[in-house]
Amino acid sequence: MFPIAKEWQDRPLEDTYAVVFMDAIHYNVRSEGRIVKKAVYIAIGINMDGMKEILWMWVGENESTKF
């Protein structure tokens, strides 16, 4: 893993966020010679100062209630 990505993952988060949004975006990705659909899940928080922050991202096989 890239050092900057690990640093981002390990950063401290706020204790409280005014609003948290969760969503997924679907992409077609080439995997082992086939085109497959992947979902990128994202959680965005708006802190108490009104600033948006990306809290979390995850790549999944497809959109489901599991995530």
N, C-alpha and C. Protein backbone atom coordinates (compact mmCIF):
# COMPACT_ATOMS: atom_id res chain seq x y z
N MET A 1 0.85 -1.17 0.00
CA MET A 1 0.00 0.00 0.00
C MET A 1 0.89 1.24 0.00
N PHE A 2 0.41 2.29 -0.63
CA PHE A 2 1.15 3.54 -0.68
C PHE A 2 1.18 4.18 0.70
N PRO A 3 2.33 4.76 1.10
CA PRO A 3 2.42 5.39 2.43
C PRO A 3 1.36 6.47 2.66
N ILE A 4 1.06 7.25 1.64
CA ILE A 4 0.08 8.34 1.83
C ILE A 4 -1.33 7.76 2.05
N ALA A 5 -1.64 6.63 1.41
CA ALA A 5 -2.95 6.00 1.62
C ALA A 5 -3.06 5.47 3.04
N LYS A 6 -2.01 4.85 3.54
CA LYS A 6 -2.01 4.33 4.91
C LYS A 6 -2.14 5.49 5.91
N GLU A 7 -1.44 6.58 5.65
CA GLU A 7 -1.53 7.77 6.51
C GLU A 7 -2.97 8.30 6.54
N TRP A 8 -3.63 8.34 5.36
CA TRP A 8 -5.02 8.81 5.28
C TRP A 8 -5.94 7.87 6.06
N GLN A 9 -5.74 6.55 5.93
CA GLN A 9 -6.59 5.59 6.64
C GLN A 9 -6.43 5.70 8.15
N ASP A 10 -5.25 6.02 8.60
CA ASP A 10 -4.96 6.07 10.05
C ASP A 10 -5.20 7.43 10.67
N ARG A 11 -5.69 8.39 9.91
CA ARG A 11 -5.87 9.74 10.45
C ARG A 11 -6.99 9.75 11.49
N PRO A 12 -6.92 10.65 12.46
CA PRO A 12 -8.01 10.74 13.44
C PRO A 12 -9.24 11.40 12.82
N LEU A 13 -10.41 10.90 13.19
CA LEU A 13 -11.66 11.49 12.73
C LEU A 13 -12.29 12.27 13.87
N GLU A 14 -13.23 13.15 13.51
CA GLU A 14 -13.96 13.92 14.52
C GLU A 14 -14.81 12.96 15.37
N ASP A 15 -15.14 13.35 16.56
CA ASP A 15 -16.04 12.56 17.40
C ASP A 15 -17.48 12.64 16.90
N THR A 16 -17.85 13.80 16.33
CA THR A 16 -19.23 14.03 15.91
C THR A 16 -19.24 14.71 14.54
N TYR A 17 -20.17 14.27 13.67
CA TYR A 17 -20.40 14.91 12.38
C TYR A 17 -21.86 15.34 12.33
N ALA A 18 -22.11 16.52 11.79
CA ALA A 18 -23.48 17.04 11.71
C ALA A 18 -24.33 16.18 10.77
N VAL A 19 -23.73 15.74 9.65
CA VAL A 19 -24.43 14.94 8.65
C VAL A 19 -23.44 13.93 8.08
N VAL A 20 -23.92 12.71 7.80
CA VAL A 20 -23.11 11.71 7.12
C VAL A 20 -23.93 11.18 5.94
N PHE A 21 -23.34 11.24 4.73
CA PHE A 21 -23.96 10.72 3.52
C PHE A 21 -23.25 9.43 3.13
N MET A 22 -24.00 8.46 2.65
CA MET A 22 -23.42 7.22 2.14
C MET A 22 -23.99 6.98 0.75
N ASP A 23 -23.11 6.56 -0.18
CA ASP A 23 -23.56 6.34 -1.55
C ASP A 23 -22.63 5.32 -2.21
N ALA A 24 -22.99 4.89 -3.41
CA ALA A 24 -22.16 3.99 -4.20
C ALA A 24 -22.20 4.43 -5.65
N ILE A 25 -21.07 4.26 -6.32
CA ILE A 25 -20.96 4.53 -7.74
C ILE A 25 -20.52 3.23 -8.41
N HIS A 26 -21.14 2.90 -9.53
CA HIS A 26 -20.81 1.66 -10.24
C HIS A 26 -19.88 1.94 -11.41
N TYR A 27 -18.88 1.06 -11.57
CA TYR A 27 -17.93 1.16 -12.67
C TYR A 27 -17.82 -0.20 -13.33
N ASN A 28 -17.60 -0.19 -14.64
CA ASN A 28 -17.25 -1.41 -15.36
C ASN A 28 -15.73 -1.52 -15.34
N VAL A 29 -15.22 -2.68 -14.90
CA VAL A 29 -13.79 -2.88 -14.74
C VAL A 29 -13.38 -4.16 -15.46
N ARG A 30 -12.23 -4.13 -16.11
CA ARG A 30 -11.72 -5.34 -16.75
C ARG A 30 -10.99 -6.16 -15.70
N SER A 31 -11.40 -7.42 -15.54
CA SER A 31 -10.80 -8.31 -14.56
C SER A 31 -10.66 -9.70 -15.18
N GLU A 32 -9.42 -10.14 -15.31
CA GLU A 32 -9.12 -11.46 -15.88
C GLU A 32 -9.76 -11.63 -17.25
N GLY A 33 -9.65 -10.61 -18.08
CA GLY A 33 -10.15 -10.67 -19.44
C GLY A 33 -11.65 -10.47 -19.60
N ARG A 34 -12.36 -10.21 -18.50
CA ARG A 34 -13.80 -9.99 -18.56
C ARG A 34 -14.12 -8.60 -18.04
N ILE A 35 -15.25 -8.07 -18.47
CA ILE A 35 -15.74 -6.80 -17.93
C ILE A 35 -16.72 -7.15 -16.80
N VAL A 36 -16.42 -6.64 -15.60
CA VAL A 36 -17.30 -6.89 -14.46
C VAL A 36 -17.68 -5.56 -13.84
N LYS A 37 -18.80 -5.55 -13.16
CA LYS A 37 -19.27 -4.34 -12.50
C LYS A 37 -18.77 -4.33 -11.07
N LYS A 38 -18.20 -3.21 -10.64
CA LYS A 38 -17.76 -3.02 -9.26
C LYS A 38 -18.46 -1.79 -8.71
N ALA A 39 -18.64 -1.76 -7.41
CA ALA A 39 -19.24 -0.61 -6.75
C ALA A 39 -18.20 0.01 -5.83
N VAL A 40 -18.08 1.33 -5.88
CA VAL A 40 -17.24 2.06 -4.95
C VAL A 40 -18.17 2.74 -3.95
N TYR A 41 -18.10 2.31 -2.71
CA TYR A 41 -18.92 2.88 -1.63
C TYR A 41 -18.15 4.02 -1.00
N ILE A 42 -18.85 5.06 -0.62
CA ILE A 42 -18.20 6.22 -0.01
C ILE A 42 -19.09 6.78 1.11
N ALA A 43 -18.44 7.21 2.18
CA ALA A 43 -19.13 7.90 3.26
C ALA A 43 -18.51 9.29 3.37
N ILE A 44 -19.33 10.31 3.29
CA ILE A 44 -18.88 11.70 3.38
C ILE A 44 -19.54 12.32 4.60
N GLY A 45 -18.74 12.95 5.43
CA GLY A 45 -19.27 13.61 6.61
C GLY A 45 -19.12 15.12 6.52
N ILE A 46 -20.06 15.83 7.07
CA ILE A 46 -19.95 17.28 7.20
C ILE A 46 -19.71 17.54 8.68
N ASN A 47 -18.52 18.10 8.97
CA ASN A 47 -18.17 18.31 10.38
C ASN A 47 -18.92 19.50 10.95
N MET A 48 -18.72 19.76 12.21
CA MET A 48 -19.46 20.82 12.90
C MET A 48 -19.09 22.22 12.41
N ASP A 49 -17.97 22.35 11.67
CA ASP A 49 -17.59 23.63 11.06
C ASP A 49 -18.14 23.78 9.65
N GLY A 50 -18.89 22.77 9.15
CA GLY A 50 -19.48 22.83 7.82
C GLY A 50 -18.58 22.33 6.71
N MET A 51 -17.43 21.73 7.04
CA MET A 51 -16.49 21.23 6.04
C MET A 51 -16.79 19.77 5.72
N LYS A 52 -16.74 19.42 4.43
CA LYS A 52 -16.95 18.04 4.01
C LYS A 52 -15.64 17.26 4.15
N GLU A 53 -15.77 16.00 4.57
CA GLU A 53 -14.62 15.11 4.68
C GLU A 53 -15.01 13.74 4.14
N ILE A 54 -14.12 13.12 3.38
CA ILE A 54 -14.34 11.73 2.99
C ILE A 54 -13.94 10.88 4.19
N LEU A 55 -14.89 10.14 4.72
CA LEU A 55 -14.65 9.35 5.92
C LEU A 55 -14.19 7.94 5.60
N TRP A 56 -14.68 7.39 4.48
CA TRP A 56 -14.44 6.00 4.22
C TRP A 56 -14.72 5.70 2.75
N MET A 57 -13.95 4.80 2.15
CA MET A 57 -14.19 4.31 0.79
C MET A 57 -13.92 2.81 0.76
N TRP A 58 -14.72 2.10 -0.01
CA TRP A 58 -14.56 0.66 -0.11
C TRP A 58 -15.00 0.23 -1.50
N VAL A 59 -14.23 -0.68 -2.13
CA VAL A 59 -14.61 -1.23 -3.42
C VAL A 59 -15.22 -2.60 -3.17
N GLY A 60 -16.44 -2.78 -3.65
CA GLY A 60 -17.14 -4.04 -3.48
C GLY A 60 -17.50 -4.65 -4.81
N GLU A 61 -17.97 -5.88 -4.77
CA GLU A 61 -18.34 -6.58 -6.00
C GLU A 61 -19.53 -5.94 -6.69
N ASN A 62 -20.52 -5.52 -5.92
CA ASN A 62 -21.68 -4.82 -6.46
C ASN A 62 -22.43 -4.18 -5.29
N GLU A 63 -23.39 -3.35 -5.60
CA GLU A 63 -24.12 -2.65 -4.55
C GLU A 63 -25.06 -3.63 -3.84
N SER A 64 -24.95 -3.65 -2.51
CA SER A 64 -25.83 -4.53 -1.73
C SER A 64 -26.02 -3.94 -0.36
N THR A 65 -26.98 -4.48 0.37
CA THR A 65 -27.23 -3.99 1.73
C THR A 65 -26.13 -4.42 2.68
N LYS A 66 -25.31 -5.36 2.28
CA LYS A 66 -24.20 -5.85 3.12
C LYS A 66 -23.27 -4.71 3.52
N PHE A 67 -23.04 -3.76 2.61
CA PHE A 67 -22.12 -2.67 2.88
C PHE A 67 -22.85 -1.49 3.46
